Amino acid sequence: MEKSFPIKYEWDIVAIRKSVRELAREHGFSELNQARIVQSVSELASNVVHHAVEGMVQVESVQGEGKAGIRIIVQDFGPGIEDLDQIIRLSESPTSMEGYGLKQVRELMDEFSIRAVDGKGTYVSVTKWKDESDLRPSD
């Protein structure tokens, strides 16, 4: 499974959220993990709309070390994050509101990586692996 969604406007986020929730459900994630995945993609897509001109969200299934998951790659074509190291440090601070969205995404997902190229955009990759809650039969 691999799907891509262009993002340019606020209303694109609504359609992306709906599609990603459906993909996560089809992939066998629990409702709780679906919510975590959707919240993460929503935050990352909002960053594209607010800080860049446009971007792309790519969703793919992944396998690794006997586990299955979903990877979301969000890439924008904006100016990039000027001081990425500082934003990451601020996002790790319990008192700073700057970078809070990235902190939230890191906490909701199992893997997180971010790269920024000045003048060329920002690339964020997050992965959620299935856990015990995804293996329980639904009532």
Protein backbone atom coordinates (compact mmCIF):
# COMPACT_ATOMS: atom_id res chain seq x y z
CA MET A 1 0.00 0.00 0.00
CA GLU A 2 1.35 3.38 -0.97
CA LYS A 3 -0.64 6.57 -1.43
CA SER A 4 0.37 10.17 -2.01
CA PHE A 5 -1.61 13.33 -1.35
CA PRO A 6 -0.70 16.86 -2.46
CA ILE A 7 -1.16 19.54 0.17
CA LYS A 8 -1.53 23.22 -0.44
CA TYR A 9 -4.64 24.42 1.37
CA GLU A 10 -6.19 24.02 4.80
CA TRP A 11 -9.07 21.95 3.36
CA ASP A 12 -6.57 19.43 1.95
CA ILE A 13 -5.85 18.41 5.55
CA VAL A 14 -9.45 17.26 6.07
CA ALA A 15 -9.31 14.91 3.07
CA ILE A 16 -5.85 13.64 4.05
CA ARG A 17 -6.96 12.93 7.63
CA LYS A 18 -9.95 10.93 6.38
CA SER A 19 -7.88 8.91 3.92
CA VAL A 20 -5.09 8.22 6.41
CA ARG A 21 -7.58 7.05 9.06
CA GLU A 22 -9.10 4.66 6.53
CA LEU A 23 -5.68 3.35 5.49
CA ALA A 24 -4.65 2.83 9.14
CA ARG A 25 -7.93 1.00 9.85
CA GLU A 26 -7.49 -1.21 6.78
CA HIS A 27 -3.94 -1.91 7.90
CA GLY A 28 -5.30 -3.25 11.21
CA PHE A 29 -4.48 -0.46 13.65
CA SER A 30 -6.62 -0.04 16.76
CA GLU A 31 -8.83 3.03 17.06
CA LEU A 32 -6.34 4.52 19.53
CA ASN A 33 -3.41 4.08 17.16
CA GLN A 34 -5.52 5.33 14.25
CA ALA A 35 -6.11 8.51 16.25
CA ARG A 36 -2.38 8.85 16.98
CA ILE A 37 -1.52 8.44 13.30
CA VAL A 38 -4.21 10.87 12.15
CA GLN A 39 -3.23 13.49 14.75
CA SER A 40 0.40 13.24 13.63
CA VAL A 41 -0.36 13.60 9.93
CA SER A 42 -2.70 16.49 10.71
CA GLU A 43 0.01 18.36 12.63
CA LEU A 44 2.64 17.77 9.95
CA ALA A 45 0.27 18.75 7.12
CA SER A 46 -0.72 21.91 9.03
CA ASN A 47 2.96 22.83 9.23
CA VAL A 48 3.15 22.59 5.44
CA VAL A 49 0.14 24.87 4.97
CA HIS A 50 1.38 27.44 7.50
CA HIS A 51 5.13 27.46 6.80
CA ALA A 52 5.54 26.47 3.14
CA VAL A 53 3.86 27.01 -0.18
CA GLU A 54 2.90 23.41 -0.83
CA GLY A 55 3.95 19.86 -0.15
CA MET A 56 3.20 16.18 -0.33
CA VAL A 57 2.06 13.53 2.14
CA GLN A 58 3.03 9.96 1.34
CA VAL A 59 1.67 6.97 3.28
CA GLU A 60 3.13 3.49 2.95
CA SER A 61 3.02 0.17 4.75
CA VAL A 62 6.34 -1.03 6.15
CA GLN A 63 7.73 -4.28 7.49
CA GLY A 64 10.74 -4.69 9.74
CA GLU A 65 12.13 -7.13 12.28
CA GLY A 66 8.97 -9.21 12.39
CA LYS A 67 6.62 -6.27 12.75
CA ALA A 68 4.30 -4.31 10.51
CA GLY A 69 3.59 -0.61 10.49
CA ILE A 70 2.75 2.49 8.57
CA ARG A 71 5.17 5.24 7.52
CA ILE A 72 4.14 8.78 6.76
CA ILE A 73 6.47 11.07 4.88
CA VAL A 74 5.61 14.75 4.72
CA GLN A 75 7.71 16.90 2.44
CA ASP A 76 7.24 20.56 1.76
CA PHE A 77 8.68 22.73 -0.95
CA GLY A 78 9.06 25.84 1.17
CA PRO A 79 12.07 27.71 2.49
CA GLY A 80 13.11 24.98 4.93
CA ILE A 81 13.59 25.46 8.65
CA GLU A 82 16.34 28.01 9.13
CA ASP A 83 17.64 26.72 12.48
CA LEU A 84 16.38 23.16 12.71
CA ASP A 85 18.65 22.29 15.65
CA GLN A 86 17.19 25.12 17.71
CA ILE A 87 13.61 24.12 16.85
CA ILE A 88 14.37 20.53 17.87
CA ARG A 89 15.89 21.72 21.17
CA LEU A 90 12.86 23.91 21.84
CA SER A 91 10.52 21.04 20.99
CA GLU A 92 12.28 18.95 23.65
CA SER A 93 11.80 21.60 26.31
CA PRO A 94 8.84 21.02 28.64
CA THR A 95 8.19 24.78 28.90
CA SER A 96 8.57 25.98 25.29
CA MET A 97 5.55 26.24 23.01
CA GLU A 98 7.73 26.66 19.92
CA GLY A 99 8.13 23.29 18.25
CA TYR A 100 5.29 21.86 20.36
CA GLY A 101 3.64 20.22 17.33
CA LEU A 102 6.83 18.35 16.45
CA LYS A 103 7.16 17.24 20.08
CA GLN A 104 3.61 15.95 20.00
CA VAL A 105 4.25 14.01 16.77
CA ARG A 106 7.42 12.47 18.25
CA GLU A 107 5.45 11.31 21.29
CA LEU A 108 2.55 9.86 19.26
CA MET A 109 4.66 7.94 16.74
CA ASP A 110 7.37 5.29 17.26
CA GLU A 111 9.99 6.70 14.90
CA PHE A 112 10.62 10.31 13.90
CA SER A 113 13.19 11.96 11.65
CA ILE A 114 13.38 15.43 10.17
CA ARG A 115 15.66 17.08 7.64
CA ALA A 116 15.60 20.60 6.29
CA VAL A 117 17.49 22.02 3.35
CA ASP A 118 17.68 25.80 3.35
CA GLY A 119 15.66 27.13 0.44
CA LYS A 120 14.48 23.67 -0.63
CA GLY A 121 12.05 22.52 2.06
CA THR A 122 11.60 20.16 4.97
CA TYR A 123 11.25 16.37 5.00
CA VAL A 124 9.67 14.56 7.96
CA SER A 125 9.34 10.80 8.22
CA VAL A 126 7.34 9.13 11.02
CA THR A 127 6.51 5.48 11.58
CA LYS A 128 3.94 3.77 13.79
CA TRP A 129 4.43 0.06 14.44
CA LYS A 130 1.55 -2.22 15.36
CA ASP A 131 1.46 -3.06 19.06
CA GLU A 132 -0.57 -5.26 21.41
CA SER A 133 -3.61 -2.98 21.18
CA ASP A 134 -3.74 -3.62 17.43
CA LEU A 135 -3.84 -7.38 17.94
CA ARG A 136 -6.93 -7.44 20.17
CA PRO A 137 -10.19 -8.36 18.48
CA SER A 138 -12.64 -5.48 18.38
CA ASP A 139 -15.86 -5.85 20.35
